[in-house]
């Protein structure tokens, strides 16, 4: 799978992602592969298990930043909603439902990252 196919599969904008990497498709592919090693999602899962809203906010906010830099729009958007709902370590809304949306977007990204050539 090429990076362009990857972005189409996850529902994000390849051209914007490519422009963030100054047009370097190889760099974009390497950065996407490095995303496999990011541990913020694991931290988010742990914080969810512990009902640690400060931890949920921190992990979701950091994951949002990484997703935004790589133009992983569906993951970025779901992380934004979750971090907004837990800002200041407080629960505002359906945190579990928001987490499930993050999990779905994250899994979609990871499944497709593994397919990159």
Protein backbone atom coordinates (compact mmCIF):
# COMPACT_ATOMS: atom_id res chain seq x y z
CA UNK A 1 0.00 0.00 0.00
CA UNK A 2 1.32 3.44 -0.87
CA UNK A 3 0.92 6.44 1.45
CA UNK A 4 -1.65 7.85 -0.96
CA UNK A 5 -3.68 4.64 -0.76
CA UNK A 6 -3.27 4.65 3.03
CA UNK A 7 -4.77 8.13 3.36
CA UNK A 8 -7.65 7.25 1.08
CA UNK A 9 -8.36 4.12 3.11
CA UNK A 10 -8.48 5.96 6.44
CA UNK A 11 -10.49 8.89 5.05
CA UNK A 12 -7.82 11.58 5.29
CA UNK A 13 -6.17 14.02 2.89
CA UNK A 14 -2.95 12.70 1.36
CA UNK A 15 -1.98 15.99 -0.28
CA UNK A 16 -2.13 17.88 3.01
CA UNK A 17 -0.10 15.16 4.74
CA UNK A 18 2.45 15.23 1.93
CA UNK A 19 2.75 19.00 2.11
CA UNK A 20 3.48 18.72 5.85
CA UNK A 21 6.51 16.63 4.83
CA UNK A 22 7.58 19.17 2.19
CA UNK A 23 6.49 16.83 -0.61
CA UNK A 24 8.74 13.98 0.50
CA UNK A 25 6.69 10.77 0.13
CA UNK A 26 9.50 8.64 1.59
CA UNK A 27 9.62 10.78 4.72
CA UNK A 28 5.85 10.56 5.06
CA UNK A 29 5.97 6.76 4.77
CA UNK A 30 8.75 6.56 7.38
CA UNK A 31 6.85 8.81 9.80
CA UNK A 32 3.71 6.70 9.40
CA UNK A 33 5.69 3.53 10.11
CA UNK A 34 7.15 5.18 13.23
CA UNK A 35 3.61 5.80 14.42
CA UNK A 36 3.42 2.06 15.14
CA UNK A 37 5.85 2.65 18.02
CA UNK A 38 3.92 5.53 19.60
CA UNK A 39 2.72 4.52 23.07
CA UNK A 40 0.15 7.24 23.72
CA UNK A 41 -2.77 4.98 22.84
CA UNK A 42 -1.58 2.43 25.41
CA UNK A 43 -1.39 5.22 28.00
CA UNK A 44 -4.93 6.22 27.06
CA UNK A 45 -6.22 2.67 27.53
CA UNK A 46 -4.54 2.45 30.95
CA UNK A 47 -6.00 5.79 32.03
CA UNK A 48 -9.45 4.66 30.87
CA UNK A 49 -9.16 1.44 32.90
CA UNK A 50 -8.27 3.51 35.97
CA UNK A 51 -10.90 6.23 35.37
CA UNK A 52 -7.99 8.69 35.51
CA UNK A 53 -9.45 11.72 33.74
CA UNK A 54 -6.22 13.72 33.96
CA UNK A 55 -4.39 10.78 32.39
CA UNK A 56 -7.10 10.40 29.75
CA UNK A 57 -6.79 14.06 28.88
CA UNK A 58 -2.98 13.94 28.71
CA UNK A 59 -2.86 10.83 26.53
CA UNK A 60 -5.71 11.92 24.24
CA UNK A 61 -4.23 15.39 23.88
CA UNK A 62 -0.78 14.03 22.99
CA UNK A 63 -2.22 11.46 20.59
CA UNK A 64 -4.25 14.26 19.01
CA UNK A 65 -1.05 16.19 18.37
CA UNK A 66 0.71 13.24 16.76
CA UNK A 67 -2.37 12.45 14.65
CA UNK A 68 -2.66 16.08 13.60
CA UNK A 69 0.97 16.28 12.53
CA UNK A 70 0.52 13.19 10.36
CA UNK A 71 -2.88 14.38 9.06
CA UNK A 72 -4.64 11.31 10.46
CA UNK A 73 -7.87 13.28 10.46
CA UNK A 74 -10.37 10.70 11.79
CA UNK A 75 -8.06 9.90 14.72
CA UNK A 76 -7.29 13.58 15.29
CA UNK A 77 -10.99 14.49 15.39
CA UNK A 78 -11.94 11.73 17.82
CA UNK A 79 -8.98 12.52 20.10
CA UNK A 80 -9.98 16.19 20.05
CA UNK A 81 -13.47 15.35 21.28
CA UNK A 82 -12.11 13.07 24.02
CA UNK A 83 -9.52 15.56 25.21
CA UNK A 84 -12.15 18.32 25.24
CA UNK A 85 -14.42 16.11 27.37
CA UNK A 86 -11.68 15.48 29.94
CA UNK A 87 -9.91 18.85 29.97
CA UNK A 88 -8.82 19.78 33.46
CA UNK A 89 -9.21 16.19 34.63
CA UNK A 90 -12.98 16.49 34.65
CA UNK A 91 -15.53 14.24 32.98
CA UNK A 92 -17.84 16.10 30.62
CA UNK A 93 -20.12 13.88 28.56
CA UNK A 94 -19.88 10.29 27.37
CA UNK A 95 -16.17 9.65 27.88
CA UNK A 96 -16.57 5.90 27.30
CA UNK A 97 -18.37 6.49 23.99
CA UNK A 98 -15.72 9.00 22.92
CA UNK A 99 -12.98 6.53 23.82
CA UNK A 100 -14.65 3.84 21.72
CA UNK A 101 -14.60 6.23 18.74
CA UNK A 102 -10.88 6.88 19.34
CA UNK A 103 -10.25 3.14 19.56
CA UNK A 104 -12.02 2.52 16.25
CA UNK A 105 -10.10 5.29 14.48
CA UNK A 106 -6.81 4.14 16.03
CA UNK A 107 -7.34 0.53 15.00
CA UNK A 108 -8.16 1.60 11.45
CA UNK A 109 -4.94 3.62 11.26
CA UNK A 110 -2.86 0.79 12.72
CA UNK A 111 -4.36 -1.87 10.44
CA UNK A 112 -3.51 0.24 7.43
CA UNK A 113 -0.05 1.34 8.63
CA UNK A 114 0.88 -2.33 8.69
CA UNK A 115 -0.01 -2.53 4.99
CA UNK A 116 2.36 0.25 3.95
CA UNK A 117 5.10 -0.88 1.58
